[in-house]
């Protein structure tokens, strides 16, 4: 069986069949979660220390570090990124 290679749209969620609007939100959530995980790793924080900085429970940090993106709204992730000392900017591209 011959397999064909399909070029990515640039958004894995679109490639998985989500609508453009839903895929955009999912991509933003994934990017923010990645930024928070990088923050925790770079600072060499324990989950308990990260929880204190982010103002959430250790179990919520565990959810973040294990990629349970469905448990976090875009709004909540923006709040956590801000508490980590980062700034969020939304860019619109044509």
Protein backbone atom coordinates (compact mmCIF):
# COMPACT_ATOMS: atom_id res chain seq x y z
CA UNK A 1 0.00 0.00 0.00
CA UNK A 2 1.44 3.32 -1.09
CA UNK A 3 1.23 6.14 1.45
CA UNK A 4 0.90 9.72 0.37
CA UNK A 5 2.36 12.67 2.20
CA UNK A 6 0.06 15.60 2.77
CA UNK A 7 1.46 19.04 3.52
CA UNK A 8 0.45 20.55 6.84
CA UNK A 9 -1.83 23.55 6.94
CA UNK A 10 0.41 25.03 9.63
CA UNK A 11 -2.08 24.19 12.39
CA UNK A 12 -2.19 20.59 13.55
CA UNK A 13 -5.76 21.04 14.78
CA UNK A 14 -6.97 22.03 11.29
CA UNK A 15 -5.11 18.99 9.97
CA UNK A 16 -7.02 16.87 12.50
CA UNK A 17 -10.34 18.14 11.15
CA UNK A 18 -11.29 20.92 13.55
CA UNK A 19 -12.95 24.03 12.13
CA UNK A 20 -10.69 27.04 11.54
CA UNK A 21 -12.07 28.97 14.53
CA UNK A 22 -11.87 26.04 16.94
CA UNK A 23 -8.40 25.12 15.66
CA UNK A 24 -7.16 28.67 16.27
CA UNK A 25 -8.27 28.54 19.91
CA UNK A 26 -6.85 25.06 20.42
CA UNK A 27 -3.51 26.15 18.96
CA UNK A 28 -3.39 29.17 21.27
CA UNK A 29 -4.14 26.97 24.27
CA UNK A 30 -1.44 24.49 23.25
CA UNK A 31 1.12 27.29 22.78
CA UNK A 32 0.34 28.83 26.17
CA UNK A 33 0.55 25.47 27.94
CA UNK A 34 3.91 24.88 26.29
CA UNK A 35 5.13 28.29 27.48
CA UNK A 36 4.06 27.52 31.06
CA UNK A 37 5.76 24.12 30.98
CA UNK A 38 8.96 25.76 29.66
CA UNK A 39 8.77 28.33 32.48
CA UNK A 40 8.49 25.57 35.10
CA UNK A 41 11.33 23.57 33.55
CA UNK A 42 13.65 26.55 33.03
CA UNK A 43 13.19 27.73 36.61
CA UNK A 44 13.58 24.12 37.82
CA UNK A 45 10.44 24.46 39.91
CA UNK A 46 8.75 21.65 41.74
CA UNK A 47 5.03 21.35 41.10
CA UNK A 48 4.42 22.75 44.59
CA UNK A 49 6.64 25.79 43.94
CA UNK A 50 5.05 26.38 40.54
CA UNK A 51 1.59 26.11 42.12
CA UNK A 52 2.49 28.84 44.62
CA UNK A 53 3.73 31.18 41.86
CA UNK A 54 0.74 30.48 39.61
CA UNK A 55 -1.82 30.63 42.41
CA UNK A 56 -3.26 27.18 41.70
CA UNK A 57 -3.16 23.78 43.37
CA UNK A 58 -0.33 21.32 42.78
CA UNK A 59 -2.81 19.03 41.02
CA UNK A 60 -3.56 21.81 38.51
CA UNK A 61 0.16 22.15 37.82
CA UNK A 62 0.26 18.40 37.31
CA UNK A 63 -2.56 18.75 34.77
CA UNK A 64 -0.51 21.43 32.98
CA UNK A 65 2.70 19.45 32.90
CA UNK A 66 0.98 16.31 31.65
CA UNK A 67 -0.72 18.20 28.81
CA UNK A 68 -4.34 17.93 29.93
CA UNK A 69 -5.27 20.91 27.75
CA UNK A 70 -9.01 20.15 27.92
CA UNK A 71 -8.97 21.19 31.59
CA UNK A 72 -7.86 24.77 30.84
CA UNK A 73 -9.71 27.57 29.14
CA UNK A 74 -7.82 30.07 27.04
CA UNK A 75 -8.65 32.71 29.65
CA UNK A 76 -7.20 30.61 32.48
CA UNK A 77 -4.00 29.93 30.54
CA UNK A 78 -3.56 33.66 29.86
CA UNK A 79 -3.94 34.27 33.60
CA UNK A 80 -1.32 31.63 34.43
CA UNK A 81 1.14 32.94 31.85
CA UNK A 82 0.73 36.43 33.29
CA UNK A 83 1.31 35.15 36.84
CA UNK A 84 4.50 33.52 35.54
CA UNK A 85 5.69 36.99 34.56
CA UNK A 86 5.16 36.66 30.84
CA UNK A 87 3.11 38.92 28.59
CA UNK A 88 0.51 37.73 26.08
CA UNK A 89 -0.03 39.54 22.81
CA UNK A 90 -2.54 38.59 20.18
CA UNK A 91 -1.39 39.06 16.59
CA UNK A 92 -3.83 39.10 13.72
CA UNK A 93 -2.56 37.94 10.36
CA UNK A 94 -4.35 38.09 7.05
